[in-house]
mmCIF file of all heavy atoms, coordinates in Angstrom:
data_MODEL
# 
_entry.id   MODEL 
# 
loop_
_atom_site.group_PDB 
_atom_site.id 
_atom_site.type_symbol 
_atom_site.label_atom_id 
_atom_site.label_alt_id 
_atom_site.label_comp_id 
_atom_site.label_asym_id 
_atom_site.label_entity_id 
_atom_site.label_seq_id 
_atom_site.pdbx_PDB_ins_code 
_atom_site.Cartn_x 
_atom_site.Cartn_y 
_atom_site.Cartn_z 
_atom_site.occupancy 
_atom_site.B_iso_or_equiv 
_atom_site.pdbx_formal_charge 
_atom_site.auth_seq_id 
_atom_site.auth_comp_id 
_atom_site.auth_asym_id 
_atom_site.auth_atom_id 
_atom_site.pdbx_PDB_model_num 
ATOM 1   N N   . LEU A 1 1  ? -14.741 25.654 -32.328 1.00 0.00 ? 1  LEU A N   1 
ATOM 2   C CA  . LEU A 1 1  ? -14.480 25.472 -33.743 1.00 0.00 ? 1  LEU A CA  1 
ATOM 3   C C   . LEU A 1 1  ? -13.826 26.695 -34.362 1.00 0.00 ? 1  LEU A C   1 
ATOM 4   O O   . LEU A 1 1  ? -12.893 26.589 -35.149 1.00 0.00 ? 1  LEU A O   1 
ATOM 5   C CB  . LEU A 1 1  ? -15.788 25.144 -34.477 1.00 0.00 ? 1  LEU A CB  1 
ATOM 6   C CG  . LEU A 1 1  ? -15.737 25.061 -36.005 1.00 0.00 ? 1  LEU A CG  1 
ATOM 7   C CD1 . LEU A 1 1  ? -14.776 23.983 -36.450 1.00 0.00 ? 1  LEU A CD1 1 
ATOM 8   C CD2 . LEU A 1 1  ? -17.131 24.795 -36.553 1.00 0.00 ? 1  LEU A CD2 1 
ATOM 9   N N   . TYR A 1 2  ? -14.305 27.886 -33.997 1.00 0.00 ? 2  TYR A N   1 
ATOM 10  C CA  . TYR A 1 2  ? -13.855 29.103 -34.661 1.00 0.00 ? 2  TYR A CA  1 
ATOM 11  C C   . TYR A 1 2  ? -12.791 29.869 -33.890 1.00 0.00 ? 2  TYR A C   1 
ATOM 12  O O   . TYR A 1 2  ? -12.422 30.970 -34.266 1.00 0.00 ? 2  TYR A O   1 
ATOM 13  C CB  . TYR A 1 2  ? -15.057 30.027 -34.910 1.00 0.00 ? 2  TYR A CB  1 
ATOM 14  C CG  . TYR A 1 2  ? -16.124 29.382 -35.739 1.00 0.00 ? 2  TYR A CG  1 
ATOM 15  C CD1 . TYR A 1 2  ? -17.431 29.282 -35.268 1.00 0.00 ? 2  TYR A CD1 1 
ATOM 16  C CD2 . TYR A 1 2  ? -15.831 28.837 -36.977 1.00 0.00 ? 2  TYR A CD2 1 
ATOM 17  C CE1 . TYR A 1 2  ? -18.422 28.668 -36.024 1.00 0.00 ? 2  TYR A CE1 1 
ATOM 18  C CE2 . TYR A 1 2  ? -16.801 28.210 -37.732 1.00 0.00 ? 2  TYR A CE2 1 
ATOM 19  C CZ  . TYR A 1 2  ? -18.096 28.137 -37.254 1.00 0.00 ? 2  TYR A CZ  1 
ATOM 20  O OH  . TYR A 1 2  ? -19.071 27.532 -37.995 1.00 0.00 ? 2  TYR A OH  1 
ATOM 21  N N   . ARG A 1 3  ? -12.263 29.307 -32.806 1.00 0.00 ? 3  ARG A N   1 
ATOM 22  C CA  . ARG A 1 3  ? -11.281 30.053 -32.022 1.00 0.00 ? 3  ARG A CA  1 
ATOM 23  C C   . ARG A 1 3  ? -9.899  29.993 -32.658 1.00 0.00 ? 3  ARG A C   1 
ATOM 24  O O   . ARG A 1 3  ? -9.052  30.844 -32.379 1.00 0.00 ? 3  ARG A O   1 
ATOM 25  C CB  . ARG A 1 3  ? -11.222 29.498 -30.608 1.00 0.00 ? 3  ARG A CB  1 
ATOM 26  C CG  . ARG A 1 3  ? -10.491 28.160 -30.496 1.00 0.00 ? 3  ARG A CG  1 
ATOM 27  C CD  . ARG A 1 3  ? -10.482 27.640 -29.089 1.00 0.00 ? 3  ARG A CD  1 
ATOM 28  N NE  . ARG A 1 3  ? -9.810  26.352 -29.021 1.00 0.00 ? 3  ARG A NE  1 
ATOM 29  C CZ  . ARG A 1 3  ? -9.800  25.597 -27.933 1.00 0.00 ? 3  ARG A CZ  1 
ATOM 30  N NH1 . ARG A 1 3  ? -10.419 26.022 -26.849 1.00 0.00 ? 3  ARG A NH1 1 
ATOM 31  N NH2 . ARG A 1 3  ? -9.182  24.442 -27.925 1.00 0.00 ? 3  ARG A NH2 1 
ATOM 32  N N   . ASP A 1 4  ? -9.619  29.015 -33.490 1.00 0.00 ? 4  ASP A N   1 
ATOM 33  C CA  . ASP A 1 4  ? -8.305  28.849 -34.093 1.00 0.00 ? 4  ASP A CA  1 
ATOM 34  C C   . ASP A 1 4  ? -8.405  29.094 -35.592 1.00 0.00 ? 4  ASP A C   1 
ATOM 35  O O   . ASP A 1 4  ? -9.335  28.614 -36.250 1.00 0.00 ? 4  ASP A O   1 
ATOM 36  C CB  . ASP A 1 4  ? -7.777  27.434 -33.828 1.00 0.00 ? 4  ASP A CB  1 
ATOM 37  C CG  . ASP A 1 4  ? -6.354  27.259 -34.316 1.00 0.00 ? 4  ASP A CG  1 
ATOM 38  O OD1 . ASP A 1 4  ? -5.429  27.590 -33.553 1.00 0.00 ? 4  ASP A OD1 1 
ATOM 39  O OD2 . ASP A 1 4  ? -6.175  26.817 -35.473 1.00 0.00 ? 4  ASP A OD2 1 
ATOM 40  N N   . PRO A 1 5  ? -7.451  29.824 -36.189 1.00 0.00 ? 5  PRO A N   1 
ATOM 41  C CA  . PRO A 1 5  ? -7.538  30.105 -37.631 1.00 0.00 ? 5  PRO A CA  1 
ATOM 42  C C   . PRO A 1 5  ? -7.481  28.860 -38.503 1.00 0.00 ? 5  PRO A C   1 
ATOM 43  O O   . PRO A 1 5  ? -8.033  28.843 -39.602 1.00 0.00 ? 5  PRO A O   1 
ATOM 44  C CB  . PRO A 1 5  ? -6.331  31.018 -37.882 1.00 0.00 ? 5  PRO A CB  1 
ATOM 45  C CG  . PRO A 1 5  ? -5.416  30.808 -36.723 1.00 0.00 ? 5  PRO A CG  1 
ATOM 46  C CD  . PRO A 1 5  ? -6.311  30.494 -35.561 1.00 0.00 ? 5  PRO A CD  1 
ATOM 47  N N   . ARG A 1 6  ? -6.852  27.804 -38.010 1.00 0.00 ? 6  ARG A N   1 
ATOM 48  C CA  . ARG A 1 6  ? -6.766  26.580 -38.821 1.00 0.00 ? 6  ARG A CA  1 
ATOM 49  C C   . ARG A 1 6  ? -8.116  25.886 -38.908 1.00 0.00 ? 6  ARG A C   1 
ATOM 50  O O   . ARG A 1 6  ? -8.499  25.408 -39.985 1.00 0.00 ? 6  ARG A O   1 
ATOM 51  C CB  . ARG A 1 6  ? -5.713  25.643 -38.226 1.00 0.00 ? 6  ARG A CB  1 
ATOM 52  C CG  . ARG A 1 6  ? -4.302  26.208 -38.283 1.00 0.00 ? 6  ARG A CG  1 
ATOM 53  C CD  . ARG A 1 6  ? -3.368  25.417 -37.384 1.00 0.00 ? 6  ARG A CD  1 
ATOM 54  N NE  . ARG A 1 6  ? -2.088  26.078 -37.237 1.00 0.00 ? 6  ARG A NE  1 
ATOM 55  C CZ  . ARG A 1 6  ? -1.851  27.093 -36.410 1.00 0.00 ? 6  ARG A CZ  1 
ATOM 56  N NH1 . ARG A 1 6  ? -2.827  27.551 -35.650 1.00 0.00 ? 6  ARG A NH1 1 
ATOM 57  N NH2 . ARG A 1 6  ? -0.665  27.630 -36.327 1.00 0.00 ? 6  ARG A NH2 1 
ATOM 58  N N   . THR A 1 7  ? -8.833  25.814 -37.804 1.00 0.00 ? 7  THR A N   1 
ATOM 59  C CA  . THR A 1 7  ? -10.155 25.187 -37.855 1.00 0.00 ? 7  THR A CA  1 
ATOM 60  C C   . THR A 1 7  ? -11.126 26.039 -38.666 1.00 0.00 ? 7  THR A C   1 
ATOM 61  O O   . THR A 1 7  ? -11.982 25.506 -39.372 1.00 0.00 ? 7  THR A O   1 
ATOM 62  C CB  . THR A 1 7  ? -10.703 24.969 -36.436 1.00 0.00 ? 7  THR A CB  1 
ATOM 63  O OG1 . THR A 1 7  ? -10.691 26.218 -35.713 1.00 0.00 ? 7  THR A OG1 1 
ATOM 64  C CG2 . THR A 1 7  ? -9.870  23.968 -35.679 1.00 0.00 ? 7  THR A CG2 1 
ATOM 65  N N   . ARG A 1 8  ? -10.987 27.368 -38.570 1.00 0.00 ? 8  ARG A N   1 
ATOM 66  C CA  . ARG A 1 8  ? -11.839 28.238 -39.393 1.00 0.00 ? 8  ARG A CA  1 
ATOM 67  C C   . ARG A 1 8  ? -11.544 28.039 -40.870 1.00 0.00 ? 8  ARG A C   1 
ATOM 68  O O   . ARG A 1 8  ? -12.452 27.932 -41.696 1.00 0.00 ? 8  ARG A O   1 
ATOM 69  C CB  . ARG A 1 8  ? -11.622 29.704 -39.007 1.00 0.00 ? 8  ARG A CB  1 
ATOM 70  C CG  . ARG A 1 8  ? -12.132 30.080 -37.637 1.00 0.00 ? 8  ARG A CG  1 
ATOM 71  C CD  . ARG A 1 8  ? -12.263 31.597 -37.505 1.00 0.00 ? 8  ARG A CD  1 
ATOM 72  N NE  . ARG A 1 8  ? -11.002 32.267 -37.721 1.00 0.00 ? 8  ARG A NE  1 
ATOM 73  C CZ  . ARG A 1 8  ? -10.146 32.580 -36.760 1.00 0.00 ? 8  ARG A CZ  1 
ATOM 74  N NH1 . ARG A 1 8  ? -10.434 32.265 -35.507 1.00 0.00 ? 8  ARG A NH1 1 
ATOM 75  N NH2 . ARG A 1 8  ? -9.027  33.229 -37.023 1.00 0.00 ? 8  ARG A NH2 1 
ATOM 76  N N   . LEU A 1 9  ? -10.253 27.978 -41.212 1.00 0.00 ? 9  LEU A N   1 
ATOM 77  C CA  . LEU A 1 9  ? -9.863  27.796 -42.612 1.00 0.00 ? 9  LEU A CA  1 
ATOM 78  C C   . LEU A 1 9  ? -10.343 26.447 -43.140 1.00 0.00 ? 9  LEU A C   1 
ATOM 79  O O   . LEU A 1 9  ? -10.841 26.347 -44.269 1.00 0.00 ? 9  LEU A O   1 
ATOM 80  C CB  . LEU A 1 9  ? -8.345  27.902 -42.741 1.00 0.00 ? 9  LEU A CB  1 
ATOM 81  C CG  . LEU A 1 9  ? -7.763  27.680 -44.141 1.00 0.00 ? 9  LEU A CG  1 
ATOM 82  C CD1 . LEU A 1 9  ? -8.311  28.709 -45.125 1.00 0.00 ? 9  LEU A CD1 1 
ATOM 83  C CD2 . LEU A 1 9  ? -6.240  27.735 -44.099 1.00 0.00 ? 9  LEU A CD2 1 
ATOM 84  N N   . PHE A 1 10 ? -10.221 25.413 -42.317 1.00 0.00 ? 10 PHE A N   1 
ATOM 85  C CA  . PHE A 1 10 ? -10.671 24.083 -42.746 1.00 0.00 ? 10 PHE A CA  1 
ATOM 86  C C   . PHE A 1 10 ? -12.167 24.080 -43.013 1.00 0.00 ? 10 PHE A C   1 
ATOM 87  O O   . PHE A 1 10 ? -12.636 23.522 -44.015 1.00 0.00 ? 10 PHE A O   1 
ATOM 88  C CB  . PHE A 1 10 ? -10.322 23.058 -41.667 1.00 0.00 ? 10 PHE A CB  1 
ATOM 89  C CG  . PHE A 1 10 ? -10.796 21.668 -41.985 1.00 0.00 ? 10 PHE A CG  1 
ATOM 90  C CD1 . PHE A 1 10 ? -10.164 20.902 -42.942 1.00 0.00 ? 10 PHE A CD1 1 
ATOM 91  C CD2 . PHE A 1 10 ? -11.889 21.132 -41.328 1.00 0.00 ? 10 PHE A CD2 1 
ATOM 92  C CE1 . PHE A 1 10 ? -10.608 19.628 -43.239 1.00 0.00 ? 10 PHE A CE1 1 
ATOM 93  C CE2 . PHE A 1 10 ? -12.341 19.863 -41.613 1.00 0.00 ? 10 PHE A CE2 1 
ATOM 94  C CZ  . PHE A 1 10 ? -11.689 19.106 -42.572 1.00 0.00 ? 10 PHE A CZ  1 
ATOM 95  N N   . ALA A 1 11 ? -12.939 24.713 -42.131 1.00 0.00 ? 11 ALA A N   1 
ATOM 96  C CA  . ALA A 1 11 ? -14.390 24.781 -42.326 1.00 0.00 ? 11 ALA A CA  1 
ATOM 97  C C   . ALA A 1 11 ? -14.733 25.548 -43.604 1.00 0.00 ? 11 ALA A C   1 
ATOM 98  O O   . ALA A 1 11 ? -15.627 25.142 -44.355 1.00 0.00 ? 11 ALA A O   1 
ATOM 99  C CB  . ALA A 1 11 ? -15.051 25.455 -41.121 1.00 0.00 ? 11 ALA A CB  1 
ATOM 100 N N   . ILE A 1 12 ? -14.010 26.626 -43.885 1.00 0.00 ? 12 ILE A N   1 
ATOM 101 C CA  . ILE A 1 12 ? -14.264 27.413 -45.101 1.00 0.00 ? 12 ILE A CA  1 
ATOM 102 C C   . ILE A 1 12 ? -13.941 26.598 -46.340 1.00 0.00 ? 12 ILE A C   1 
ATOM 103 O O   . ILE A 1 12 ? -14.710 26.589 -47.317 1.00 0.00 ? 12 ILE A O   1 
ATOM 104 C CB  . ILE A 1 12 ? -13.436 28.714 -45.066 1.00 0.00 ? 12 ILE A CB  1 
ATOM 105 C CG1 . ILE A 1 12 ? -13.976 29.652 -43.987 1.00 0.00 ? 12 ILE A CG1 1 
ATOM 106 C CG2 . ILE A 1 12 ? -13.463 29.412 -46.428 1.00 0.00 ? 12 ILE A CG2 1 
ATOM 107 C CD1 . ILE A 1 12 ? -13.097 30.856 -43.736 1.00 0.00 ? 12 ILE A CD1 1 
ATOM 108 N N   . LEU A 1 13 ? -12.803 25.898 -46.341 1.00 0.00 ? 13 LEU A N   1 
ATOM 109 C CA  . LEU A 1 13 ? -12.430 25.077 -47.496 1.00 0.00 ? 13 LEU A CA  1 
ATOM 110 C C   . LEU A 1 13 ? -13.447 23.963 -47.737 1.00 0.00 ? 13 LEU A C   1 
ATOM 111 O O   . LEU A 1 13 ? -13.810 23.682 -48.893 1.00 0.00 ? 13 LEU A O   1 
ATOM 112 C CB  . LEU A 1 13 ? -11.042 24.469 -47.277 1.00 0.00 ? 13 LEU A CB  1 
ATOM 113 C CG  . LEU A 1 13 ? -9.859  25.437 -47.339 1.00 0.00 ? 13 LEU A CG  1 
ATOM 114 C CD1 . LEU A 1 13 ? -8.571  24.721 -46.957 1.00 0.00 ? 13 LEU A CD1 1 
ATOM 115 C CD2 . LEU A 1 13 ? -9.731  26.049 -48.721 1.00 0.00 ? 13 LEU A CD2 1 
ATOM 116 N N   . LEU A 1 14 ? -13.906 23.348 -46.665 1.00 0.00 ? 14 LEU A N   1 
ATOM 117 C CA  . LEU A 1 14 ? -14.897 22.284 -46.797 1.00 0.00 ? 14 LEU A CA  1 
ATOM 118 C C   . LEU A 1 14 ? -16.188 22.821 -47.410 1.00 0.00 ? 14 LEU A C   1 
ATOM 119 O O   . LEU A 1 14 ? -16.752 22.224 -48.343 1.00 0.00 ? 14 LEU A O   1 
ATOM 120 C CB  . LEU A 1 14 ? -15.145 21.657 -45.431 1.00 0.00 ? 14 LEU A CB  1 
ATOM 121 C CG  . LEU A 1 14 ? -15.877 20.313 -45.396 1.00 0.00 ? 14 LEU A CG  1 
ATOM 122 C CD1 . LEU A 1 14 ? -15.473 19.545 -44.144 1.00 0.00 ? 14 LEU A CD1 1 
ATOM 123 C CD2 . LEU A 1 14 ? -17.383 20.480 -45.395 1.00 0.00 ? 14 LEU A CD2 1 
ATOM 124 N N   . LEU A 1 15 ? -16.646 23.966 -46.928 1.00 0.00 ? 15 LEU A N   1 
ATOM 125 C CA  . LEU A 1 15 ? -17.896 24.546 -47.437 1.00 0.00 ? 15 LEU A CA  1 
ATOM 126 C C   . LEU A 1 15 ? -17.738 25.038 -48.873 1.00 0.00 ? 15 LEU A C   1 
ATOM 127 O O   . LEU A 1 15 ? -18.667 24.908 -49.677 1.00 0.00 ? 15 LEU A O   1 
ATOM 128 C CB  . LEU A 1 15 ? -18.342 25.685 -46.528 1.00 0.00 ? 15 LEU A CB  1 
ATOM 129 C CG  . LEU A 1 15 ? -18.790 25.262 -45.121 1.00 0.00 ? 15 LEU A CG  1 
ATOM 130 C CD1 . LEU A 1 15 ? -19.115 26.486 -44.273 1.00 0.00 ? 15 LEU A CD1 1 
ATOM 131 C CD2 . LEU A 1 15 ? -19.995 24.331 -45.191 1.00 0.00 ? 15 LEU A CD2 1 
ATOM 132 N N   . LEU A 1 16 ? -16.571 25.602 -49.221 1.00 0.00 ? 16 LEU A N   1 
ATOM 133 C CA  . LEU A 1 16 ? -16.334 26.039 -50.599 1.00 0.00 ? 16 LEU A CA  1 
ATOM 134 C C   . LEU A 1 16 ? -16.368 24.859 -51.562 1.00 0.00 ? 16 LEU A C   1 
ATOM 135 O O   . LEU A 1 16 ? -16.951 24.943 -52.653 1.00 0.00 ? 16 LEU A O   1 
ATOM 136 C CB  . LEU A 1 16 ? -14.989 26.757 -50.699 1.00 0.00 ? 16 LEU A CB  1 
ATOM 137 C CG  . LEU A 1 16 ? -14.937 28.212 -50.231 1.00 0.00 ? 16 LEU A CG  1 
ATOM 138 C CD1 . LEU A 1 16 ? -13.510 28.746 -50.337 1.00 0.00 ? 16 LEU A CD1 1 
ATOM 139 C CD2 . LEU A 1 16 ? -15.878 29.077 -51.060 1.00 0.00 ? 16 LEU A CD2 1 
ATOM 140 N N   . THR A 1 17 ? -15.731 23.760 -51.165 1.00 0.00 ? 17 THR A N   1 
ATOM 141 C CA  . THR A 1 17 ? -15.731 22.566 -52.012 1.00 0.00 ? 17 THR A CA  1 
ATOM 142 C C   . THR A 1 17 ? -17.142 22.016 -52.167 1.00 0.00 ? 17 THR A C   1 
ATOM 143 O O   . THR A 1 17 ? -17.550 21.611 -53.266 1.00 0.00 ? 17 THR A O   1 
ATOM 144 C CB  . THR A 1 17 ? -14.813 21.493 -51.404 1.00 0.00 ? 17 THR A CB  1 
ATOM 145 O OG1 . THR A 1 17 ? -13.535 22.061 -51.136 1.00 0.00 ? 17 THR A OG1 1 
ATOM 146 C CG2 . THR A 1 17 ? -14.634 20.336 -52.375 1.00 0.00 ? 17 THR A CG2 1 
ATOM 147 N N   . LEU A 1 18 ? -17.889 21.998 -51.086 1.00 0.00 ? 18 LEU A N   1 
ATOM 148 C CA  . LEU A 1 18 ? -19.273 21.522 -51.137 1.00 0.00 ? 18 LEU A CA  1 
ATOM 149 C C   . LEU A 1 18 ? -20.112 22.405 -52.051 1.00 0.00 ? 18 LEU A C   1 
ATOM 150 O O   . LEU A 1 18 ? -20.894 21.897 -52.882 1.00 0.00 ? 18 LEU A O   1 
ATOM 151 C CB  . LEU A 1 18 ? -19.853 21.503 -49.727 1.00 0.00 ? 18 LEU A CB  1 
ATOM 152 C CG  . LEU A 1 18 ? -21.300 21.029 -49.572 1.00 0.00 ? 18 LEU A CG  1 
ATOM 153 C CD1 . LEU A 1 18 ? -21.464 19.619 -50.093 1.00 0.00 ? 18 LEU A CD1 1 
ATOM 154 C CD2 . LEU A 1 18 ? -21.726 21.115 -48.115 1.00 0.00 ? 18 LEU A CD2 1 
ATOM 155 N N   . LEU A 1 19 ? -19.953 23.721 -51.943 1.00 0.00 ? 19 LEU A N   1 
ATOM 156 C CA  . LEU A 1 19 ? -20.697 24.653 -52.790 1.00 0.00 ? 19 LEU A CA  1 
ATOM 157 C C   . LEU A 1 19 ? -20.335 24.476 -54.255 1.00 0.00 ? 19 LEU A C   1 
ATOM 158 O O   . LEU A 1 19 ? -21.209 24.509 -55.136 1.00 0.00 ? 19 LEU A O   1 
ATOM 159 C CB  . LEU A 1 19 ? -20.420 26.088 -52.337 1.00 0.00 ? 19 LEU A CB  1 
ATOM 160 C CG  . LEU A 1 19 ? -21.131 27.200 -53.111 1.00 0.00 ? 19 LEU A CG  1 
ATOM 161 C CD1 . LEU A 1 19 ? -22.646 27.065 -52.977 1.00 0.00 ? 19 LEU A CD1 1 
ATOM 162 C CD2 . LEU A 1 19 ? -20.685 28.568 -52.615 1.00 0.00 ? 19 LEU A CD2 1 
ATOM 163 N N   . LEU A 1 20 ? -19.053 24.277 -54.536 1.00 0.00 ? 20 LEU A N   1 
ATOM 164 C CA  . LEU A 1 20 ? -18.613 24.081 -55.916 1.00 0.00 ? 20 LEU A CA  1 
ATOM 165 C C   . LEU A 1 20 ? -19.227 22.829 -56.523 1.00 0.00 ? 20 LEU A C   1 
ATOM 166 O O   . LEU A 1 20 ? -19.704 22.843 -57.671 1.00 0.00 ? 20 LEU A O   1 
ATOM 167 C CB  . LEU A 1 20 ? -17.088 23.999 -55.950 1.00 0.00 ? 20 LEU A CB  1 
ATOM 168 C CG  . LEU A 1 20 ? -16.446 23.752 -57.312 1.00 0.00 ? 20 LEU A CG  1 
ATOM 169 C CD1 . LEU A 1 20 ? -16.752 24.899 -58.263 1.00 0.00 ? 20 LEU A CD1 1 
ATOM 170 C CD2 . LEU A 1 20 ? -14.945 23.564 -57.163 1.00 0.00 ? 20 LEU A CD2 1 
ATOM 171 N N   . CYS A 1 21 ? -19.235 21.738 -55.773 1.00 0.00 ? 21 CYS A N   1 
ATOM 172 C CA  . CYS A 1 21 ? -19.833 20.491 -56.271 1.00 0.00 ? 21 CYS A CA  1 
ATOM 173 C C   . CYS A 1 21 ? -21.328 20.665 -56.534 1.00 0.00 ? 21 CYS A C   1 
ATOM 174 O O   . CYS A 1 21 ? -21.856 20.149 -57.524 1.00 0.00 ? 21 CYS A O   1 
ATOM 175 C CB  . CYS A 1 21 ? -19.591 19.360 -55.275 1.00 0.00 ? 21 CYS A CB  1 
ATOM 176 S SG  . CYS A 1 21 ? -17.874 18.856 -55.124 1.00 0.00 ? 21 CYS A SG  1 
ATOM 177 N N   . LEU A 1 22 ? -22.008 21.376 -55.653 1.00 0.00 ? 22 LEU A N   1 
ATOM 178 C CA  . LEU A 1 22 ? -23.435 21.626 -55.857 1.00 0.00 ? 22 LEU A CA  1 
ATOM 179 C C   . LEU A 1 22 ? -23.677 22.444 -57.124 1.00 0.00 ? 22 LEU A C   1 
ATOM 180 O O   . LEU A 1 22 ? -24.604 22.147 -57.894 1.00 0.00 ? 22 LEU A O   1 
ATOM 181 C CB  . LEU A 1 22 ? -24.009 22.360 -54.645 1.00 0.00 ? 22 LEU A CB  1 
ATOM 182 C CG  . LEU A 1 22 ? -24.269 21.521 -53.390 1.00 0.00 ? 22 LEU A CG  1 
ATOM 183 C CD1 . LEU A 1 22 ? -24.598 22.420 -52.204 1.00 0.00 ? 22 LEU A CD1 1 
ATOM 184 C CD2 . LEU A 1 22 ? -25.402 20.536 -53.626 1.00 0.00 ? 22 LEU A CD2 1 
ATOM 185 N N   . CYS A 1 23 ? -22.863 23.465 -57.347 1.00 0.00 ? 23 CYS A N   1 
ATOM 186 C CA  . CYS A 1 23 ? -23.025 24.298 -58.549 1.00 0.00 ? 23 CYS A CA  1 
ATOM 187 C C   . CYS A 1 23 ? -22.806 23.481 -59.808 1.00 0.00 ? 23 CYS A C   1 
ATOM 188 O O   . CYS A 1 23 ? -23.560 23.597 -60.790 1.00 0.00 ? 23 CYS A O   1 
ATOM 189 C CB  . CYS A 1 23 ? -22.052 25.475 -58.501 1.00 0.00 ? 23 CYS A CB  1 
ATOM 190 S SG  . CYS A 1 23 ? -22.451 26.707 -57.242 1.00 0.00 ? 23 CYS A SG  1 
ATOM 191 N N   . ILE A 1 24 ? -21.758 22.645 -59.804 1.00 0.00 ? 24 ILE A N   1 
ATOM 192 C CA  . ILE A 1 24 ? -21.484 21.811 -60.981 1.00 0.00 ? 24 ILE A CA  1 
ATOM 193 C C   . ILE A 1 24 ? -22.642 20.861 -61.230 1.00 0.00 ? 24 ILE A C   1 
ATOM 194 O O   . ILE A 1 24 ? -23.061 20.653 -62.380 1.00 0.00 ? 24 ILE A O   1 
ATOM 195 C CB  . ILE A 1 24 ? -20.168 21.041 -60.777 1.00 0.00 ? 24 ILE A CB  1 
ATOM 196 C CG1 . ILE A 1 24 ? -18.981 22.013 -60.777 1.00 0.00 ? 24 ILE A CG1 1 
ATOM 197 C CG2 . ILE A 1 24 ? -19.985 19.991 -61.872 1.00 0.00 ? 24 ILE A CG2 1 
ATOM 198 C CD1 . ILE A 1 24 ? -17.660 21.358 -60.464 1.00 0.00 ? 24 ILE A CD1 1 
ATOM 199 N N   . LEU A 1 25 ? -23.170 20.274 -60.159 1.00 0.00 ? 25 LEU A N   1 
ATOM 200 C CA  . LEU A 1 25 ? -24.282 19.331 -60.311 1.00 0.00 ? 25 LEU A CA  1 
ATOM 201 C C   . LEU A 1 25 ? -25.523 20.025 -60.869 1.00 0.00 ? 25 LEU A C   1 
ATOM 202 O O   . LEU A 1 25 ? -26.292 19.422 -61.623 1.00 0.00 ? 25 LEU A O   1 
ATOM 203 C CB  . LEU A 1 25 ? -24.591 18.691 -58.955 1.00 0.00 ? 25 LEU A CB  1 
ATOM 204 C CG  . LEU A 1 25 ? -25.595 17.540 -58.953 1.00 0.00 ? 25 LEU A CG  1 
ATOM 205 C CD1 . LEU A 1 25 ? -25.080 16.388 -59.790 1.00 0.00 ? 25 LEU A CD1 1 
ATOM 206 C CD2 . LEU A 1 25 ? -25.866 17.077 -57.528 1.00 0.00 ? 25 LEU A CD2 1 
ATOM 207 N N   . ILE A 1 26 ? -25.736 21.284 -60.507 1.00 0.00 ? 26 ILE A N   1 
ATOM 208 C CA  . ILE A 1 26 ? -26.890 22.028 -61.012 1.00 0.00 ? 26 ILE A CA  1 
ATOM 209 C C   . ILE A 1 26 ? -26.685 22.443 -62.467 1.00 0.00 ? 26 ILE A C   1 
ATOM 210 O O   . ILE A 1 26 ? -27.618 22.407 -63.283 1.00 0.00 ? 26 ILE A O   1 
ATOM 211 C CB  . ILE A 1 26 ? -27.139 23.264 -60.126 1.00 0.00 ? 26 ILE A CB  1 
ATOM 212 C CG1 . ILE A 1 26 ? -27.594 22.821 -58.735 1.00 0.00 ? 26 ILE A CG1 1 
ATOM 213 C CG2 . ILE A 1 26 ? -28.196 24.176 -60.748 1.00 0.00 ? 26 ILE A CG2 1 
ATOM 214 C CD1 . ILE A 1 26 ? -27.670 23.950 -57.730 1.00 0.00 ? 26 ILE A CD1 1 
# 
């Protein structure tokens, strides 16, 4: 998962979006 910069970037974007939605919901 983390060997390629694209998969790392995708995982970071997914987690950032998830965190943002959680913050808004709170």
